[in-house]
C-alpha atoms as a PDB file:
ATOM      1  CA  MET A   1      -5.185  15.109 -21.476  1.00  0.00           C
ATOM      2  CA  LYS A   2      -4.162  15.183 -17.514  1.00  0.00           C
ATOM      3  CA  ASN A   3      -7.927  16.002 -16.764  1.00  0.00           C
ATOM      4  CA  SER A   4      -9.269  12.859 -18.925  1.00  0.00           C
ATOM      5  CA  LYS A   5      -6.453  10.704 -17.338  1.00  0.00           C
ATOM      6  CA  ARG A   6      -7.641  11.867 -13.820  1.00  0.00           C
ATOM      7  CA  ILE A   7     -11.194  11.339 -14.816  1.00  0.00           C
ATOM      8  CA  LEU A   8     -10.744   7.811 -16.202  1.00  0.00           C
ATOM      9  CA  THR A   9      -8.738   7.058 -12.669  1.00  0.00           C
ATOM     10  CA  ILE A  10     -11.705   8.144 -10.582  1.00  0.00           C
ATOM     11  CA  VAL A  11     -14.074   6.279 -12.824  1.00  0.00           C
ATOM     12  CA  PHE A  12     -12.079   3.210 -12.434  1.00  0.00           C
ATOM     13  CA  GLY A  13     -11.459   3.678  -8.739  1.00  0.00           C
ATOM     14  CA  VAL A  14     -15.251   4.037  -8.150  1.00  0.00           C
ATOM     15  CA  ILE A  15     -16.078   0.810 -10.216  1.00  0.00           C
ATOM     16  CA  MET A  16     -13.534  -1.128  -8.266  1.00  0.00           C
ATOM     17  CA  ILE A  17     -14.948   0.123  -4.740  1.00  0.00           C
ATOM     18  CA  VAL A  18     -18.408  -0.894  -5.933  1.00  0.00           C
ATOM     19  CA  ALA A  19     -17.301  -4.101  -7.361  1.00  0.00           C
ATOM     20  CA  GLY A  20     -15.430  -4.864  -4.199  1.00  0.00           C
ATOM     21  CA  ALA A  21     -18.608  -3.866  -2.099  1.00  0.00           C
ATOM     22  CA  MET A  22     -20.582  -6.383  -4.128  1.00  0.00           C
ATOM     23  CA  HIS A  23     -18.426  -9.268  -2.816  1.00  0.00           C
ATOM     24  CA  PHE A  24     -20.038  -8.462   0.555  1.00  0.00           C
ATOM     25  CA  ILE A  25     -23.483  -7.577  -0.636  1.00  0.00           C
ATOM     26  CA  SER A  26     -23.845 -10.675  -2.825  1.00  0.00           C
ATOM     27  CA  PRO A  27     -21.161 -13.138  -2.165  1.00  0.00           C
ATOM     28  CA  ALA A  28     -23.201 -16.024  -3.637  1.00  0.00           C
ATOM     29  CA  VAL A  29     -22.739 -14.341  -7.273  1.00  0.00           C
ATOM     30  CA  TYR A  30     -18.938 -14.885  -6.975  1.00  0.00           C
ATOM     31  CA  LEU A  31     -18.719 -18.333  -5.442  1.00  0.00           C
ATOM     32  CA  PRO A  32     -19.321 -20.416  -8.679  1.00  0.00           C
ATOM     33  CA  PHE A  33     -16.165 -18.891 -10.058  1.00  0.00           C
ATOM     34  CA  PHE A  34     -14.055 -20.812  -7.676  1.00  0.00           C
ATOM     35  CA  PRO A  35     -13.652 -24.698  -7.311  1.00  0.00           C
ATOM     36  CA  ASN A  36     -15.498 -26.139  -4.309  1.00  0.00           C
ATOM     37  CA  VAL A  37     -12.239 -27.374  -2.983  1.00  0.00           C
ATOM     38  CA  TRP A  38     -10.951 -23.837  -2.707  1.00  0.00           C
ATOM     39  CA  PRO A  39     -11.912 -21.555   0.342  1.00  0.00           C
ATOM     40  CA  GLN A  40     -14.457 -19.911  -1.626  1.00  0.00           C
ATOM     41  CA  LYS A  41     -15.799 -17.488   0.870  1.00  0.00           C
ATOM     42  CA  ALA A  42     -12.215 -16.473   1.795  1.00  0.00           C
ATOM     43  CA  ILE A  43     -11.352 -15.665  -1.634  1.00  0.00           C
ATOM     44  CA  VAL A  44     -14.546 -13.775  -2.349  1.00  0.00           C
ATOM     45  CA  TYR A  45     -14.213 -11.606   0.808  1.00  0.00           C
ATOM     46  CA  GLY A  46     -10.467 -11.244   0.419  1.00  0.00           C
ATOM     47  CA  SER A  47     -10.910 -10.285  -3.385  1.00  0.00           C
ATOM     48  CA  GLY A  48     -13.428  -7.783  -2.349  1.00  0.00           C
ATOM     49  CA  ILE A  49     -11.316  -6.146   0.265  1.00  0.00           C
ATOM     50  CA  ILE A  50      -8.517  -5.997  -2.259  1.00  0.00           C
ATOM     51  CA  GLU A  51     -10.742  -4.261  -4.931  1.00  0.00           C
ATOM     52  CA  ILE A  52     -11.995  -1.713  -2.484  1.00  0.00           C
ATOM     53  CA  VAL A  53      -8.373  -0.849  -1.317  1.00  0.00           C
ATOM     54  CA  VAL A  54      -7.030  -0.511  -4.808  1.00  0.00           C
ATOM     55  CA  GLY A  55     -10.082   1.454  -5.776  1.00  0.00           C
ATOM     56  CA  ILE A  56      -9.471   3.770  -2.878  1.00  0.00           C
ATOM     57  CA  CYS A  57      -5.848   4.357  -3.844  1.00  0.00           C
ATOM     58  CA  ALA A  58      -6.720   5.135  -7.213  1.00  0.00           C
ATOM     59  CA  LEU A  59      -9.026   8.041  -5.825  1.00  0.00           C
ATOM     60  CA  ILE A  60      -5.959   9.352  -3.769  1.00  0.00           C
ATOM     61  CA  PRO A  61      -3.713  11.290  -6.074  1.00  0.00           C
ATOM     62  CA  ARG A  62      -0.458  10.428  -3.998  1.00  0.00           C
ATOM     63  CA  TYR A  63      -1.235   6.576  -4.283  1.00  0.00           C
ATOM     64  CA  SER A  64      -3.290   6.480  -7.537  1.00  0.00           C
ATOM     65  CA  ARG A  65      -0.359   4.975  -9.541  1.00  0.00           C
ATOM     66  CA  TYR A  66      -0.155   2.145  -7.009  1.00  0.00           C
ATOM     67  CA  GLY A  67      -3.929   1.813  -7.000  1.00  0.00           C
ATOM     68  CA  ILE A  68      -3.969   1.491 -10.808  1.00  0.00           C
ATOM     69  CA  LEU A  69      -1.218  -1.039 -10.894  1.00  0.00           C
ATOM     70  CA  GLY A  70      -3.040  -3.087  -8.305  1.00  0.00           C
ATOM     71  CA  ILE A  71      -6.163  -2.995 -10.410  1.00  0.00           C
ATOM     72  CA  PHE A  72      -3.975  -4.088 -13.541  1.00  0.00           C
ATOM     73  CA  ILE A  73      -2.424  -6.948 -11.500  1.00  0.00           C
ATOM     74  CA  LEU A  74      -5.876  -8.056  -9.883  1.00  0.00           C
ATOM     75  CA  MET A  75      -7.430  -8.142 -13.575  1.00  0.00           C
ATOM     76  CA  LEU A  76      -4.665 -10.317 -14.776  1.00  0.00           C
ATOM     77  CA  VAL A  77      -4.747 -12.688 -11.716  1.00  0.00           C
ATOM     78  CA  PHE A  78      -8.532 -13.096 -12.312  1.00  0.00           C
ATOM     79  CA  LEU A  79      -8.441 -13.355 -16.001  1.00  0.00           C
ATOM     80  CA  PRO A  80      -8.011 -17.074 -16.132  1.00  0.00           C
ATOM     81  CA  LEU A  81     -11.371 -17.466 -14.082  1.00  0.00           C
ATOM     82  CA  HIS A  82     -13.246 -15.537 -16.878  1.00  0.00           C
ATOM     83  CA  VAL A  83     -11.463 -17.689 -19.654  1.00  0.00           C
ATOM     84  CA  ILE A  84     -12.395 -20.868 -17.828  1.00  0.00           C
ATOM     85  CA  ASP A  85     -16.005 -19.687 -17.298  1.00  0.00           C
ATOM     86  CA  VAL A  86     -16.451 -19.402 -20.959  1.00  0.00           C
ATOM     87  CA  PHE A  87     -15.853 -23.248 -21.321  1.00  0.00           C
ATOM     88  CA  LYS A  88     -18.018 -24.310 -18.389  1.00  0.00           C
ATOM     89  CA  GLU A  89     -21.329 -25.955 -18.997  1.00  0.00           C
ATOM     90  CA  ASN A  90     -22.917 -23.652 -16.580  1.00  0.00           C
ATOM     91  CA  PRO A  91     -20.739 -20.348 -16.518  1.00  0.00           C
ATOM     92  CA  ALA A  92     -20.564 -18.501 -13.231  1.00  0.00           C
ATOM     93  CA  VAL A  93     -21.873 -15.290 -14.946  1.00  0.00           C
ATOM     94  CA  GLY A  94     -25.179 -17.158 -15.906  1.00  0.00           C
ATOM     95  CA  SER A  95     -24.877 -18.048 -19.638  1.00  0.00           C
ATOM     96  CA  THR A  96     -22.329 -18.848 -22.235  1.00  0.00           C
ATOM     97  CA  THR A  97     -23.264 -15.770 -24.032  1.00  0.00           C
ATOM     98  CA  ILE A  98     -22.757 -13.546 -21.152  1.00  0.00           C
ATOM     99  CA  ALA A  99     -19.526 -15.329 -20.476  1.00  0.00           C
ATOM    100  CA  TYR A 100     -18.417 -14.583 -24.130  1.00  0.00           C
ATOM    101  CA  ILE A 101     -19.536 -10.804 -23.680  1.00  0.00           C
ATOM    102  CA  ARG A 102     -17.620 -10.498 -20.276  1.00  0.00           C
ATOM    103  CA  LEU A 103     -14.388 -11.969 -21.410  1.00  0.00           C
ATOM    104  CA  PRO A 104     -13.536  -9.236 -23.919  1.00  0.00           C
ATOM    105  CA  ILE A 105     -14.820  -6.745 -21.208  1.00  0.00           C
ATOM    106  CA  GLN A 106     -11.916  -8.104 -18.916  1.00  0.00           C
ATOM    107  CA  PHE A 107      -9.546  -7.362 -21.775  1.00  0.00           C
ATOM    108  CA  VAL A 108     -10.668  -3.927 -22.229  1.00  0.00           C
ATOM    109  CA  LEU A 109     -10.420  -3.270 -18.433  1.00  0.00           C
ATOM    110  CA  ILE A 110      -6.806  -4.618 -18.293  1.00  0.00           C
ATOM    111  CA  ALA A 111      -6.008  -2.398 -21.265  1.00  0.00           C
ATOM    112  CA  TRP A 112      -7.719   0.575 -19.595  1.00  0.00           C
ATOM    113  CA  ALA A 113      -5.532   0.086 -16.262  1.00  0.00           C
ATOM    114  CA  TRP A 114      -2.332  -0.183 -18.245  1.00  0.00           C
ATOM    115  CA  PHE A 115      -3.225   2.914 -20.336  1.00  0.00           C
ATOM    116  CA  ILE A 116      -3.797   4.915 -17.105  1.00  0.00           C
ATOM    117  CA  PHE A 117      -0.703   3.387 -15.210  1.00  0.00           C
ATOM    118  CA  LYS A 118       1.627   4.185 -18.251  1.00  0.00           C
ATOM    119  CA  ARG A 119       0.089   7.720 -18.491  1.00  0.00           C
ATOM    120  CA  GLU A 120       0.528   8.273 -14.749  1.00  0.00           C
ATOM    121  CA  LYS A 121       4.313   7.101 -15.155  1.00  0.00           C
ATOM    122  CA  SER A 122       4.984   9.390 -18.062  1.00  0.00           C
ATOM    123  CA  ASN A 123       3.303  12.329 -16.317  1.00  0.00           C
ATOM    124  CA  LYS A 124       5.474  11.724 -12.998  1.00  0.00           C
ATOM    125  CA  GLN A 125       8.570  11.472 -15.122  1.00  0.00           C
ATOM    126  CA  PHE A 126       7.894  14.578 -16.946  1.00  0.00           C
ATOM    127  CA  ALA A 127       7.334  16.540 -13.755  1.00  0.00           C
ATOM    128  CA  ILE A 128      10.826  15.073 -12.392  1.00  0.00           C
ATOM    129  CA  ASP A 129      12.506  15.928 -15.396  1.00  0.00           C
ATOM    130  CA  ASN A 130      11.262  19.565 -15.237  1.00  0.00           C
ATOM    131  CA  GLY A 131      12.081  19.911 -11.663  1.00  0.00           C
ATOM    132  CA  GLN A 132       8.289  20.044 -10.492  1.00  0.00           C
END
């Protein structure tokens, strides 16, 4: 189970790094998620940096617990944007159908991050309890 958790953590870290990099490669894709009155580009670039940082942290065993917790929090923070997108006339993701598909994916990603975070916590506690 330890190896599968590590693989899940690495996959999630890489996904976050790639997703963060996309904020710089194609920032226009993310702009429609935010109201025009907000500093859209600052939010897109800032969230891209945060995604890259938590993704890198997830890959480093010493910091992976913090990286996964960061991913979990980031997914929760951006969940309302995905919910709002479902109800927009012109969703940021392209179509209402895609918005409906993407929303449950967000819940899966949140659950995935929480699962890894809880497993990481229980593994560390096991090591402490057994003097490792």
